[in-house]
Protein backbone atom coordinates (compact mmCIF):
# COMPACT_ATOMS: atom_id res chain seq x y z
CA UNK A 1 0.00 0.00 0.00
CA UNK A 2 1.46 3.25 -1.10
CA UNK A 3 1.21 6.49 0.82
CA UNK A 4 -0.57 8.00 -2.22
CA UNK A 5 -3.49 5.56 -2.01
CA UNK A 6 -6.93 6.79 -0.95
CA UNK A 7 -9.63 5.03 1.07
CA UNK A 8 -13.28 5.54 1.91
CA UNK A 9 -13.86 5.36 5.68
CA UNK A 10 -17.15 3.67 6.58
CA UNK A 11 -17.06 5.08 10.13
CA UNK A 12 -16.62 8.74 9.16
CA UNK A 13 -18.23 8.58 5.68
CA UNK A 14 -15.29 10.43 4.18
CA UNK A 15 -12.23 9.97 1.98
CA UNK A 16 -8.98 9.43 3.87
CA UNK A 17 -5.31 8.89 3.07
CA UNK A 18 -3.48 5.66 3.90
CA UNK A 19 -2.39 6.92 7.32
CA UNK A 20 -5.94 7.40 8.67
CA UNK A 21 -8.42 4.87 10.15
CA UNK A 22 -7.84 1.14 10.53
CA UNK A 23 -8.29 -0.96 7.44
CA UNK A 24 -11.29 -2.92 8.76
CA UNK A 25 -13.32 0.32 8.69
CA UNK A 26 -12.64 1.38 5.12
CA UNK A 27 -12.82 0.50 1.45
CA UNK A 28 -9.86 0.72 -0.88
CA UNK A 29 -7.23 1.45 -1.86
CA UNK A 30 -8.24 3.67 -4.75
CA UNK A 31 -5.75 5.42 -7.03
CA UNK A 32 -7.32 8.87 -6.66
CA UNK A 33 -9.27 10.82 -4.08
CA UNK A 34 -12.18 11.08 -6.53
CA UNK A 35 -12.31 7.30 -7.03
CA UNK A 36 -12.46 6.82 -3.26
CA UNK A 37 -15.25 9.38 -3.00
CA UNK A 38 -17.36 7.17 -5.30
CA UNK A 39 -16.60 3.94 -3.43
CA UNK A 40 -20.15 3.32 -2.23
CA UNK A 41 -21.51 3.87 -5.74
CA UNK A 42 -19.07 1.29 -7.08
CA UNK A 43 -20.11 -1.17 -4.37
CA UNK A 44 -23.77 -0.70 -5.29
CA UNK A 45 -23.00 -1.22 -9.00
CA UNK A 46 -21.09 -4.44 -8.29
CA UNK A 47 -23.80 -5.75 -5.99
CA UNK A 48 -26.39 -5.13 -8.70
CA UNK A 49 -24.26 -6.92 -11.28
CA UNK A 50 -23.73 -9.90 -8.97
CA UNK A 51 -27.40 -10.06 -7.98
CA UNK A 52 -28.34 -10.27 -11.67
CA UNK A 53 -25.54 -12.56 -12.86
CA UNK A 54 -27.18 -15.39 -14.86
CA UNK A 55 -24.32 -17.74 -13.95
CA UNK A 56 -25.35 -17.71 -10.28
CA UNK A 57 -28.79 -18.99 -9.40
CA UNK A 58 -29.68 -19.70 -5.80
PDB file of N, CA and C in Angstrom:
ATOM      1  N   UNK A   1       0.839  -1.172   0.000  1.00  0.00           N
ATOM      2  CA  UNK A   1       0.000   0.000   0.000  1.00  0.00           C
ATOM      3  C   UNK A   1       0.891   1.245   0.000  1.00  0.00           C
ATOM      4  N   UNK A   2       0.663   2.048  -0.963  1.00  0.00           N
ATOM      5  CA  UNK A   2       1.463   3.252  -1.101  1.00  0.00           C
ATOM      6  C   UNK A   2       0.843   4.409  -0.331  1.00  0.00           C
ATOM      7  N   UNK A   3       1.686   5.323   0.068  1.00  0.00           N
ATOM      8  CA  UNK A   3       1.212   6.487   0.815  1.00  0.00           C
ATOM      9  C   UNK A   3       0.279   7.351  -0.018  1.00  0.00           C
ATOM     10  N   UNK A   4       0.300   7.216  -1.347  1.00  0.00           N
ATOM     11  CA  UNK A   4      -0.567   8.004  -2.215  1.00  0.00           C
ATOM     12  C   UNK A   4      -1.945   7.401  -2.419  1.00  0.00           C
ATOM     13  N   UNK A   5      -2.197   6.207  -1.858  1.00  0.00           N
ATOM     14  CA  UNK A   5      -3.492   5.564  -2.014  1.00  0.00           C
ATOM     15  C   UNK A   5      -4.554   6.267  -1.178  1.00  0.00           C
ATOM     16  N   UNK A   6      -5.799   6.179  -1.641  1.00  0.00           N
ATOM     17  CA  UNK A   6      -6.931   6.789  -0.952  1.00  0.00           C
ATOM     18  C   UNK A   6      -7.939   5.724  -0.560  1.00  0.00           C
ATOM     19  N   UNK A   7      -8.658   5.978   0.518  1.00  0.00           N
ATOM     20  CA  UNK A   7      -9.629   5.033   1.068  1.00  0.00           C
ATOM     21  C   UNK A   7     -10.921   5.760   1.419  1.00  0.00           C
ATOM     22  N   UNK A   8     -12.014   4.994   1.452  1.00  0.00           N
ATOM     23  CA  UNK A   8     -13.284   5.543   1.915  1.00  0.00           C
ATOM     24  C   UNK A   8     -13.548   4.950   3.291  1.00  0.00           C
ATOM     25  N   UNK A   9     -13.645   5.794   4.301  1.00  0.00           N
ATOM     26  CA  UNK A   9     -13.864   5.365   5.676  1.00  0.00           C
ATOM     27  C   UNK A   9     -15.364   5.178   5.915  1.00  0.00           C
ATOM     28  N   UNK A  10     -15.746   3.971   6.307  1.00  0.00           N
ATOM     29  CA  UNK A  10     -17.145   3.665   6.580  1.00  0.00           C
ATOM     30  C   UNK A  10     -17.613   4.251   7.900  1.00  0.00           C
ATOM     31  N   UNK A  11     -16.705   4.485   8.833  1.00  0.00           N
ATOM     32  CA  UNK A  11     -17.061   5.078  10.127  1.00  0.00           C
ATOM     33  C   UNK A  11     -17.367   6.563   9.995  1.00  0.00           C
ATOM     34  N   UNK A  12     -16.511   7.279   9.263  1.00  0.00           N
ATOM     35  CA  UNK A  12     -16.625   8.736   9.159  1.00  0.00           C
ATOM     36  C   UNK A  12     -17.309   9.203   7.884  1.00  0.00           C
ATOM     37  N   UNK A  13     -17.579   8.255   6.964  1.00  0.00           N
ATOM     38  CA  UNK A  13     -18.229   8.581   5.680  1.00  0.00           C
ATOM     39  C   UNK A  13     -17.466   9.659   4.924  1.00  0.00           C
ATOM     40  N   UNK A  14     -16.146   9.453   4.851  1.00  0.00           N
ATOM     41  CA  UNK A  14     -15.293  10.428   4.185  1.00  0.00           C
ATOM     42  C   UNK A  14     -14.101   9.733   3.530  1.00  0.00           C
ATOM     43  N   UNK A  15     -13.436  10.448   2.641  1.00  0.00           N
ATOM     44  CA  UNK A  15     -12.227   9.967   1.980  1.00  0.00           C
ATOM     45  C   UNK A  15     -11.036  10.265   2.885  1.00  0.00           C
ATOM     46  N   UNK A  16     -10.147   9.275   2.997  1.00  0.00           N
ATOM     47  CA  UNK A  16      -8.984   9.432   3.873  1.00  0.00           C
ATOM     48  C   UNK A  16      -7.725   8.912   3.183  1.00  0.00           C
ATOM     49  N   UNK A  17      -6.575   9.424   3.583  1.00  0.00           N
ATOM     50  CA  UNK A  17      -5.313   8.886   3.071  1.00  0.00           C
ATOM     51  C   UNK A  17      -4.968   7.578   3.790  1.00  0.00           C
ATOM     52  N   UNK A  18      -3.936   6.934   3.336  1.00  0.00           N
ATOM     53  CA  UNK A  18      -3.484   5.657   3.897  1.00  0.00           C
ATOM     54  C   UNK A  18      -3.287   5.716   5.413  1.00  0.00           C
ATOM     55  N   UNK A  19      -2.782   6.806   5.916  1.00  0.00           N
ATOM     56  CA  UNK A  19      -2.392   6.915   7.319  1.00  0.00           C
ATOM     57  C   UNK A  19      -3.564   7.131   8.279  1.00  0.00           C
ATOM     58  N   UNK A  20      -4.785   7.079   7.823  1.00  0.00           N
ATOM     59  CA  UNK A  20      -5.940   7.403   8.673  1.00  0.00           C
ATOM     60  C   UNK A  20      -6.467   6.166   9.409  1.00  0.00           C
ATOM     61  N   UNK A  21      -7.752   5.926   9.369  1.00  0.00           N
ATOM     62  CA  UNK A  21      -8.417   4.874  10.150  1.00  0.00           C
ATOM     63  C   UNK A  21      -7.909   3.471   9.829  1.00  0.00           C
ATOM     64  N   UNK A  22      -8.262   2.531  10.717  1.00  0.00           N
ATOM     65  CA  UNK A  22      -7.840   1.141  10.535  1.00  0.00           C
ATOM     66  C   UNK A  22      -8.496   0.544   9.297  1.00  0.00           C
ATOM     67  N   UNK A  23      -7.837  -0.418   8.719  1.00  0.00           N
ATOM     68  CA  UNK A  23      -8.285  -0.964   7.444  1.00  0.00           C
ATOM     69  C   UNK A  23      -9.621  -1.695   7.518  1.00  0.00           C
ATOM     70  N   UNK A  24     -10.015  -2.205   8.668  1.00  0.00           N
ATOM     71  CA  UNK A  24     -11.294  -2.916   8.758  1.00  0.00           C
ATOM     72  C   UNK A  24     -12.488  -1.966   8.674  1.00  0.00           C
ATOM     73  N   UNK A  25     -12.249  -0.672   8.735  1.00  0.00           N
ATOM     74  CA  UNK A  25     -13.320   0.325   8.688  1.00  0.00           C
ATOM     75  C   UNK A  25     -13.360   1.094   7.378  1.00  0.00           C
ATOM     76  N   UNK A  26     -12.673   0.594   6.354  1.00  0.00           N
ATOM     77  CA  UNK A  26     -12.636   1.379   5.120  1.00  0.00           C
ATOM     78  C   UNK A  26     -12.575   0.514   3.877  1.00  0.00           C
ATOM     79  N   UNK A  27     -12.877   1.133   2.753  1.00  0.00           N
ATOM     80  CA  UNK A  27     -12.818   0.501   1.447  1.00  0.00           C
ATOM     81  C   UNK A  27     -11.633   1.069   0.678  1.00  0.00           C
ATOM     82  N   UNK A  28     -10.974   0.236  -0.084  1.00  0.00           N
ATOM     83  CA  UNK A  28      -9.858   0.717  -0.884  1.00  0.00           C
ATOM     84  C   UNK A  28      -8.708  -0.257  -0.849  1.00  0.00           C
ATOM     85  N   UNK A  29      -7.621   0.111  -1.432  1.00  0.00           N
ATOM     86  CA  UNK A  29      -7.228   1.446  -1.858  1.00  0.00           C
ATOM     87  C   UNK A  29      -7.761   1.807  -3.246  1.00  0.00           C
ATOM     88  N   UNK A  30      -7.863   3.103  -3.471  1.00  0.00           N
ATOM     89  CA  UNK A  30      -8.238   3.672  -4.749  1.00  0.00           C
ATOM     90  C   UNK A  30      -7.103   4.556  -5.212  1.00  0.00           C
ATOM     91  N   UNK A  31      -6.888   4.652  -6.528  1.00  0.00           N
ATOM     92  CA  UNK A  31      -5.747   5.424  -7.029  1.00  0.00           C
ATOM     93  C   UNK A  31      -5.885   6.932  -6.859  1.00  0.00           C
ATOM     94  N   UNK A  32      -7.127   7.423  -6.801  1.00  0.00           N
ATOM     95  CA  UNK A  32      -7.319   8.868  -6.657  1.00  0.00           C
ATOM     96  C   UNK A  32      -8.338   9.161  -5.558  1.00  0.00           C
ATOM     97  N   UNK A  33      -8.310  10.369  -5.090  1.00  0.00           N
ATOM     98  CA  UNK A  33      -9.272  10.815  -4.075  1.00  0.00           C
ATOM     99  C   UNK A  33     -10.701  10.745  -4.637  1.00  0.00           C
ATOM    100  N   UNK A  34     -10.861  11.103  -5.898  1.00  0.00           N
ATOM    101  CA  UNK A  34     -12.178  11.076  -6.527  1.00  0.00           C
ATOM    102  C   UNK A  34     -12.722   9.648  -6.622  1.00  0.00           C
ATOM    103  N   UNK A  35     -11.871   8.699  -6.980  1.00  0.00           N
ATOM    104  CA  UNK A  35     -12.307   7.298  -7.027  1.00  0.00           C
ATOM    105  C   UNK A  35     -12.779   6.838  -5.651  1.00  0.00           C
ATOM    106  N   UNK A  36     -12.069   7.197  -4.619  1.00  0.00           N
ATOM    107  CA  UNK A  36     -12.456   6.822  -3.261  1.00  0.00           C
ATOM    108  C   UNK A  36     -13.779   7.470  -2.861  1.00  0.00           C
ATOM    109  N   UNK A  37     -14.010   8.682  -3.328  1.00  0.00           N
ATOM    110  CA  UNK A  37     -15.252   9.383  -3.003  1.00  0.00           C
ATOM    111  C   UNK A  37     -16.468   8.671  -3.595  1.00  0.00           C
ATOM    112  N   UNK A  38     -16.265   7.895  -4.646  1.00  0.00           N
ATOM    113  CA  UNK A  38     -17.357   7.169  -5.300  1.00  0.00           C
ATOM    114  C   UNK A  38     -17.370   5.688  -4.925  1.00  0.00           C
ATOM    115  N   UNK A  39     -16.721   5.340  -3.840  1.00  0.00           N
ATOM    116  CA  UNK A  39     -16.600   3.936  -3.432  1.00  0.00           C
ATOM    117  C   UNK A  39     -17.951   3.276  -3.199  1.00  0.00           C
ATOM    118  N   UNK A  40     -18.854   3.929  -2.523  1.00  0.00           N
ATOM    119  CA  UNK A  40     -20.152   3.324  -2.230  1.00  0.00           C
ATOM    120  C   UNK A  40     -20.979   3.135  -3.502  1.00  0.00           C
ATOM    121  N   UNK A  41     -20.825   4.031  -4.459  1.00  0.00           N
ATOM    122  CA  UNK A  41     -21.511   3.872  -5.738  1.00  0.00           C
ATOM    123  C   UNK A  41     -20.990   2.639  -6.468  1.00  0.00           C
ATOM    124  N   UNK A  42     -19.674   2.451  -6.431  1.00  0.00           N
ATOM    125  CA  UNK A  42     -19.067   1.293  -7.078  1.00  0.00           C
ATOM    126  C   UNK A  42     -19.524  -0.003  -6.408  1.00  0.00           C
ATOM    127  N   UNK A  43     -19.617  -0.002  -5.099  1.00  0.00           N
ATOM    128  CA  UNK A  43     -20.105  -1.174  -4.373  1.00  0.00           C
ATOM    129  C   UNK A  43     -21.535  -1.495  -4.797  1.00  0.00           C
ATOM    130  N   UNK A  44     -22.381  -0.492  -4.892  1.00  0.00           N
ATOM    131  CA  UNK A  44     -23.774  -0.699  -5.295  1.00  0.00           C
ATOM    132  C   UNK A  44     -23.855  -1.252  -6.718  1.00  0.00           C
ATOM    133  N   UNK A  45     -23.026  -0.722  -7.621  1.00  0.00           N
ATOM    134  CA  UNK A  45     -22.997  -1.223  -8.997  1.00  0.00           C
ATOM    135  C   UNK A  45     -22.602  -2.690  -9.040  1.00  0.00           C
ATOM    136  N   UNK A  46     -21.554  -3.041  -8.303  1.00  0.00           N
ATOM    137  CA  UNK A  46     -21.091  -4.436  -8.288  1.00  0.00           C
ATOM    138  C   UNK A  46     -22.123  -5.356  -7.668  1.00  0.00           C
ATOM    139  N   UNK A  47     -22.762  -4.923  -6.619  1.00  0.00           N
ATOM    140  CA  UNK A  47     -23.799  -5.747  -5.993  1.00  0.00           C
ATOM    141  C   UNK A  47     -24.939  -6.001  -6.969  1.00  0.00           C
ATOM    142  N   UNK A  48     -25.321  -4.984  -7.709  1.00  0.00           N
ATOM    143  CA  UNK A  48     -26.395  -5.127  -8.700  1.00  0.00           C
ATOM    144  C   UNK A  48     -25.986  -6.120  -9.786  1.00  0.00           C
ATOM    145  N   UNK A  49     -24.754  -6.002 -10.257  1.00  0.00           N
ATOM    146  CA  UNK A  49     -24.262  -6.924 -11.277  1.00  0.00           C
ATOM    147  C   UNK A  49     -24.264  -8.362 -10.761  1.00  0.00           C
ATOM    148  N   UNK A  50     -23.789  -8.553  -9.536  1.00  0.00           N
ATOM    149  CA  UNK A  50     -23.727  -9.902  -8.972  1.00  0.00           C
ATOM    150  C   UNK A  50     -25.123 -10.459  -8.706  1.00  0.00           C
ATOM    151  N   UNK A  51     -26.034  -9.611  -8.249  1.00  0.00           N
ATOM    152  CA  UNK A  51     -27.404 -10.059  -7.985  1.00  0.00           C
ATOM    153  C   UNK A  51     -28.103 -10.515  -9.261  1.00  0.00           C
ATOM    154  N   UNK A  52     -27.696  -9.955 -10.390  1.00  0.00           N
ATOM    155  CA  UNK A  52     -28.337 -10.270 -11.669  1.00  0.00           C
ATOM    156  C   UNK A  52     -27.473 -11.122 -12.594  1.00  0.00           C
ATOM    157  N   UNK A  53     -26.429 -11.724 -12.054  1.00  0.00           N
ATOM    158  CA  UNK A  53     -25.540 -12.564 -12.856  1.00  0.00           C
ATOM    159  C   UNK A  53     -26.251 -13.875 -13.189  1.00  0.00           C
ATOM    160  N   UNK A  54     -26.467 -14.162 -14.480  1.00  0.00           N
ATOM    161  CA  UNK A  54     -27.176 -15.388 -14.855  1.00  0.00           C
ATOM    162  C   UNK A  54     -26.414 -16.667 -14.538  1.00  0.00           C
ATOM    163  N   UNK A  55     -25.121 -16.552 -14.274  1.00  0.00           N
ATOM    164  CA  UNK A  55     -24.319 -17.736 -13.953  1.00  0.00           C
ATOM    165  C   UNK A  55     -24.503 -18.190 -12.506  1.00  0.00           C
ATOM    166  N   UNK A  56     -25.142 -17.358 -11.684  1.00  0.00           N
ATOM    167  CA  UNK A  56     -25.347 -17.711 -10.276  1.00  0.00           C
ATOM    168  C   UNK A  56     -26.844 -17.703  -9.987  1.00  0.00           C
ATOM    169  N   UNK A  57     -27.371 -18.867  -9.712  1.00  0.00           N
ATOM    170  CA  UNK A  57     -28.789 -18.989  -9.396  1.00  0.00           C
ATOM    171  C   UNK A  57     -28.923 -19.723  -8.079  1.00  0.00           C
ATOM    172  N   UNK A  58     -29.524 -19.082  -7.122  1.00  0.00           N
ATOM    173  CA  UNK A  58     -29.683 -19.701  -5.795  1.00  0.00           C
ATOM    174  C   UNK A  58     -30.952 -20.507  -5.736  1.00  0.00           C
TER     175      UNK A  58
END
